[in-house]
């Protein structure tokens, strides 16, 4: 089916006047009655008016459907890519969180080890001091005993 896009008088149909938006051919005629040559004239600039007078809306509908299909496919692809990106971001975030947790645990373990080492050193120092004092006190007692005995 065709539709008129520029008004004209059809010189091959008793100068029937077509207005913009009218169907072509008019009611009472079939497309089979119109020659391919005449359709070529009316769908191109190859006519007395020098402009396209009708266009095939059936082919336009097909083109529209194809365009809609392509747009739908593109939309689906974009949505799939977004989903993949979101999943990738979530995975990266999870991995980052795990890495941060592991690093925090390592830091805590290192700090605990350092604390334990410091406590051990302090304990050893205190014990050494106690041993040293005890030894010194005993040495003094021994020294006094020896001097008293003399």
Protein backbone atom coordinates (compact mmCIF):
# COMPACT_ATOMS: atom_id res chain seq x y z
CA UNK A 1 0.00 0.00 0.00
CA UNK A 2 1.12 3.52 -0.75
CA UNK A 3 0.34 6.88 0.81
CA UNK A 4 0.41 10.31 -0.85
CA UNK A 5 3.18 12.55 0.53
CA UNK A 6 2.72 15.40 -1.97
CA UNK A 7 -0.63 16.31 -3.55
CA UNK A 8 -1.00 15.69 -7.29
CA UNK A 9 -3.46 15.03 -10.11
CA UNK A 10 -3.14 11.55 -11.52
CA UNK A 11 -2.92 12.12 -15.26
CA UNK A 12 -3.42 8.42 -15.89
CA UNK A 13 -6.65 8.27 -13.83
CA UNK A 14 -8.87 11.01 -15.32
CA UNK A 15 -6.88 13.62 -13.37
CA UNK A 16 -8.05 12.26 -10.04
CA UNK A 17 -6.79 14.61 -7.32
CA UNK A 18 -4.82 13.08 -4.48
CA UNK A 19 -4.24 15.01 -1.24
CA UNK A 20 -1.42 14.45 1.24
CA UNK A 21 -2.25 11.44 3.41
CA UNK A 22 -4.62 9.81 0.89
CA UNK A 23 -4.09 6.13 0.15
CA UNK A 24 -2.82 5.27 -3.33
CA UNK A 25 -4.42 3.92 -5.40
CA UNK A 26 -7.78 5.46 -4.59
CA UNK A 27 -10.78 3.42 -3.54
CA UNK A 28 -12.14 1.49 -6.51
CA UNK A 29 -8.70 0.78 -7.97
CA UNK A 30 -6.17 -1.91 -7.07
CA UNK A 31 -2.41 -1.79 -7.05
CA UNK A 32 -2.41 -4.46 -9.76
CA UNK A 33 -4.02 -1.90 -12.13
CA UNK A 34 -1.04 0.45 -11.73
CA UNK A 35 1.96 -0.28 -13.93
CA UNK A 36 5.39 -0.72 -12.43
CA UNK A 37 6.57 2.15 -14.60
CA UNK A 38 3.88 4.45 -13.15
CA UNK A 39 4.73 3.40 -9.58
CA UNK A 40 8.38 4.17 -10.33
CA UNK A 41 7.42 7.65 -11.54
CA UNK A 42 5.30 8.42 -8.49
CA UNK A 43 7.85 7.03 -5.96
CA UNK A 44 10.74 8.99 -7.48
CA UNK A 45 11.41 12.48 -8.80
CA UNK A 46 11.05 11.13 -12.28
CA UNK A 47 7.65 12.79 -12.97
CA UNK A 48 6.25 16.15 -14.18
CA UNK A 49 6.30 17.65 -10.65
CA UNK A 50 9.93 16.59 -10.11
CA UNK A 51 9.37 15.28 -6.60
CA UNK A 52 8.37 12.08 -4.83
CA UNK A 53 4.56 11.94 -4.68
CA UNK A 54 3.84 8.63 -2.92
CA UNK A 55 5.69 6.26 -0.67
CA UNK A 56 5.25 2.58 0.08
CA UNK A 57 4.03 2.34 3.66
CA UNK A 58 4.14 -1.45 3.66
CA UNK A 59 7.92 -1.35 3.16
CA UNK A 60 8.12 1.47 5.71
CA UNK A 61 6.30 -0.73 8.21
CA UNK A 62 8.81 -3.51 7.53
CA UNK A 63 11.68 -1.05 7.96
CA UNK A 64 10.10 0.23 11.18
CA UNK A 65 9.78 -3.32 12.47
CA UNK A 66 13.40 -4.04 11.56
CA UNK A 67 14.50 -0.81 13.24
CA UNK A 68 12.51 -1.70 16.35
CA UNK A 69 14.06 -5.18 16.39
CA UNK A 70 17.56 -3.73 16.06
CA UNK A 71 16.86 -1.19 18.80
CA UNK A 72 15.48 -3.94 21.05
CA UNK A 73 18.58 -6.07 20.42
CA UNK A 74 20.85 -3.11 21.20
CA UNK A 75 18.91 -2.35 24.37
CA UNK A 76 19.17 -5.98 25.46
CA UNK A 77 22.92 -5.96 24.73
CA UNK A 78 23.40 -2.76 26.71
CA UNK A 79 21.41 -4.16 29.63
CA UNK A 80 23.44 -7.39 29.50
CA UNK A 81 26.67 -5.36 29.52
CA UNK A 82 25.43 -3.31 32.47
CA UNK A 83 24.54 -6.49 34.33
CA UNK A 84 27.99 -7.93 33.61
CA UNK A 85 29.64 -4.69 34.73
CA UNK A 86 27.57 -4.65 37.92
CA UNK A 87 28.46 -8.28 38.64
CA UNK A 88 32.14 -7.55 37.95
CA UNK A 89 32.03 -4.52 40.25
CA UNK A 90 30.38 -6.60 42.99
CA UNK A 91 33.03 -9.30 42.58
CA UNK A 92 35.80 -6.70 42.70
CA UNK A 93 34.24 -5.10 45.79
CA UNK A 94 33.99 -8.50 47.49
CA UNK A 95 37.60 -9.31 46.63
CA UNK A 96 38.70 -5.89 47.88
CA UNK A 97 36.79 -6.40 51.12
CA UNK A 98 38.38 -9.84 51.58
CA UNK A 99 41.83 -8.41 50.90
CA UNK A 100 41.22 -5.60 53.37
CA UNK A 101 39.97 -8.08 55.98
CA UNK A 102 43.04 -10.27 55.43
CA UNK A 103 45.35 -7.28 55.73
CA UNK A 104 43.56 -6.15 58.89
CA UNK A 105 43.90 -9.64 60.36
CA UNK A 106 47.61 -9.71 59.48
CA UNK A 107 48.09 -6.28 61.03
CA UNK A 108 46.26 -7.36 64.17
CA UNK A 109 48.36 -10.56 64.36
CA UNK A 110 51.56 -8.56 63.91
CA UNK A 111 50.50 -6.09 66.60
CA UNK A 112 49.59 -8.96 68.93
CA UNK A 113 52.97 -10.62 68.31
CA UNK A 114 54.77 -7.33 69.01
CA UNK A 115 52.76 -6.82 72.17
CA UNK A 116 53.56 -10.37 73.30
CA UNK A 117 57.26 -9.84 72.55
CA UNK A 118 57.30 -6.59 74.53
CA UNK A 119 55.49 -8.24 77.44
CA UNK A 120 57.90 -11.19 77.34
CA UNK A 121 60.89 -8.83 77.33
CA UNK A 122 59.45 -6.88 80.25
CA UNK A 123 58.79 -10.08 82.17
CA UNK A 124 62.33 -11.26 81.49
CA UNK A 125 63.74 -7.91 82.61
CA UNK A 126 61.66 -7.96 85.79
CA UNK A 127 62.75 -11.52 86.51
CA UNK A 128 66.37 -10.60 85.81
CA UNK A 129 66.10 -7.61 88.11
CA UNK A 130 64.57 -9.77 90.82
CA UNK A 131 67.32 -12.31 90.39
CA UNK A 132 69.91 -9.57 90.44
CA UNK A 133 68.48 -7.99 93.61
CA UNK A 134 68.14 -11.31 95.30
CA UNK A 135 71.70 -12.15 94.41
CA UNK A 136 72.92 -8.79 95.60
CA UNK A 137 71.03 -9.03 98.87
CA UNK A 138 72.45 -12.48 99.49
CA UNK A 139 75.91 -11.23 98.63
CA UNK A 140 75.51 -8.41 101.19
CA UNK A 141 74.30 -10.83 103.84
CA UNK A 142 77.19 -13.13 103.11
CA UNK A 143 79.57 -10.25 103.23
CA UNK A 144 78.17 -9.12 106.61
CA UNK A 145 78.37 -12.63 107.97
CA UNK A 146 81.94 -12.94 106.94
CA UNK A 147 82.83 -9.61 108.45
CA UNK A 148 81.01 -10.44 111.67
CA UNK A 149 82.78 -13.78 111.96
CA UNK A 150 86.12 -12.12 111.76
